Protein backbone atom coordinates (compact mmCIF):
# COMPACT_ATOMS: atom_id res chain seq x y z
CA GLN A 1 111.04 80.35 106.07
CA VAL A 2 109.49 82.81 103.63
CA GLN A 3 107.18 85.30 105.26
CA LEU A 4 105.03 87.98 103.60
CA VAL A 5 103.40 90.49 106.16
CA GLU A 6 100.92 92.96 104.79
CA SER A 7 99.99 96.21 106.75
CA GLY A 8 98.15 99.54 106.05
CA GLY A 9 94.72 98.32 105.57
CA GLY A 10 91.74 100.12 107.40
CA LEU A 11 88.46 102.05 106.98
CA VAL A 12 88.36 104.99 104.53
CA GLN A 13 85.70 107.06 103.14
CA ALA A 14 85.16 106.94 99.24
CA GLY A 15 87.43 109.11 97.49
CA GLY A 16 90.10 108.55 100.06
CA SER A 17 93.58 106.89 99.97
CA LEU A 18 95.41 104.04 101.60
CA ARG A 19 98.92 102.56 101.13
CA LEU A 20 99.47 98.99 101.69
CA SER A 21 102.76 97.46 102.44
CA CYS A 22 104.00 93.94 102.10
CA ALA A 23 107.26 93.22 103.92
CA ALA A 24 109.00 90.11 102.62
CA SER A 25 111.50 88.06 104.49
CA GLY A 26 113.34 84.62 104.50
CA ARG A 27 115.02 84.73 101.21
CA THR A 28 116.05 87.01 98.30
CA PHE A 29 113.38 88.26 96.35
CA ARG A 30 115.38 89.98 93.64
CA SER A 31 114.07 87.53 90.93
CA TYR A 32 110.65 87.38 92.16
CA ALA A 33 107.35 88.75 90.84
CA MET A 34 105.15 90.46 93.54
CA GLY A 35 101.52 90.82 93.22
CA TRP A 36 98.50 92.01 95.09
CA PHE A 37 95.23 90.34 95.01
CA ARG A 38 91.89 90.96 96.82
CA GLN A 39 89.00 89.00 97.90
CA ALA A 40 85.65 90.33 98.90
CA PRO A 41 82.94 88.41 100.74
CA GLY A 42 81.18 85.66 98.52
CA LYS A 43 83.63 86.33 95.60
CA GLU A 44 86.73 84.65 94.29
CA ARG A 45 90.16 86.11 94.77
CA GLU A 46 90.92 88.72 92.10
CA PHE A 47 94.05 90.07 90.63
CA VAL A 48 94.83 93.76 91.42
CA ALA A 49 98.28 94.57 90.41
CA ALA A 50 101.76 92.93 90.08
CA ILE A 51 105.26 94.00 89.49
CA SER A 52 107.92 91.87 87.70
CA TRP A 53 111.35 91.16 88.85
CA SER A 54 112.54 93.66 86.20
CA GLY A 55 110.04 96.31 87.21
CA PHE A 56 107.23 96.01 84.70
CA THR A 57 103.86 96.70 86.27
CA TYR A 58 100.50 95.15 85.47
CA TYR A 59 97.04 96.15 86.72
CA VAL A 60 93.46 95.07 86.44
CA ASP A 61 91.43 97.45 84.31
CA SER A 62 89.27 98.58 87.39
CA VAL A 63 92.17 100.05 89.28
CA LYS A 64 94.16 101.54 86.47
CA GLY A 65 94.86 105.25 87.08
CA ARG A 66 93.99 104.82 90.74
CA PHE A 67 96.41 102.21 92.14
CA THR A 68 100.19 102.18 91.85
CA ILE A 69 102.42 99.28 92.71
CA SER A 70 106.11 99.86 93.66
CA GLN A 71 108.86 98.27 95.59
CA THR A 72 111.99 99.24 97.33
CA ASN A 73 115.36 98.76 95.75
CA THR A 74 116.18 95.76 97.93
CA LYS A 75 112.77 94.32 96.54
CA ASN A 76 111.89 93.33 100.18
CA THR A 77 109.03 95.69 100.52
CA VAL A 78 106.33 96.21 97.93
CA TYR A 79 103.65 98.77 98.14
CA LEU A 80 100.27 99.37 96.81
CA GLN A 81 99.17 103.03 96.76
CA MET A 82 95.44 103.24 96.52
CA ASN A 83 93.81 106.65 95.55
CA SER A 84 90.20 107.48 94.68
CA LEU A 85 88.92 104.51 96.60
CA LYS A 86 85.57 103.15 95.82
CA PRO A 87 83.12 100.97 97.99
CA GLU A 88 83.63 98.25 95.34
CA ASP A 89 87.32 98.15 96.43
CA THR A 90 86.40 96.85 99.68
CA ALA A 91 87.97 93.47 100.18
CA VAL A 92 90.79 91.68 102.16
CA TYR A 93 94.07 92.36 100.14
CA TYR A 94 96.74 89.70 99.85
CA CYS A 95 100.45 90.14 98.86
CA ALA A 96 101.94 87.27 96.83
CA ALA A 97 105.46 86.33 95.55
CA GLY A 98 106.31 83.93 92.72
CA ASP A 99 109.45 83.04 90.86
CA LYS A 100 108.03 81.33 87.71
CA ASN A 101 105.30 83.86 86.66
CA LYS A 102 104.24 83.98 83.06
CA ASP A 103 100.69 85.23 83.67
CA TYR A 104 100.97 87.78 86.50
CA SER A 105 97.23 87.71 87.19
CA ASP A 106 96.95 83.91 87.86
CA PRO A 107 97.13 83.31 91.62
CA LEU A 108 98.20 79.69 90.93
CA GLU A 109 101.58 81.04 89.85
CA TYR A 110 102.35 82.54 92.85
CA GLY A 111 104.00 80.31 95.68
CA TYR A 112 103.98 82.54 98.76
CA TRP A 113 101.14 84.47 100.23
CA GLY A 114 100.58 86.89 103.11
CA GLN A 115 97.74 86.62 105.66
CA GLY A 116 95.92 89.56 104.19
CA THR A 117 94.81 92.98 105.43
CA GLN A 118 91.30 94.26 105.45
CA VAL A 119 90.46 97.34 103.33
CA THR A 120 86.88 98.84 103.77
CA VAL A 121 85.76 101.92 101.90
CA SER A 122 82.55 103.41 103.01
CA SER A 123 80.01 105.38 100.95
């Protein structure tokens, strides 16, 4: 059974940093793309960042230069380092995994999802 478990969320002041982790288990993820999405209250789920199985990274424009996605060599853990956080980054952040991704920003191309972790940025 595939499991994705996020951790690292919390409350931080604007300008601060957080690092989210996503631990993947249940199968080998070497050929999978891993992504981070977020959903704020009353809004649709939004793509944040992704890393392909070969290591290419993708970001939504609003986080470029502030967020960094990375993964361990075993590809069983993916991280999202978030710096210079802004109140508009407040959301529940979800980790996702997919093996047939062509559009890394499309949540429909991810077959596995974590339960989410809350990130709150105060002004």
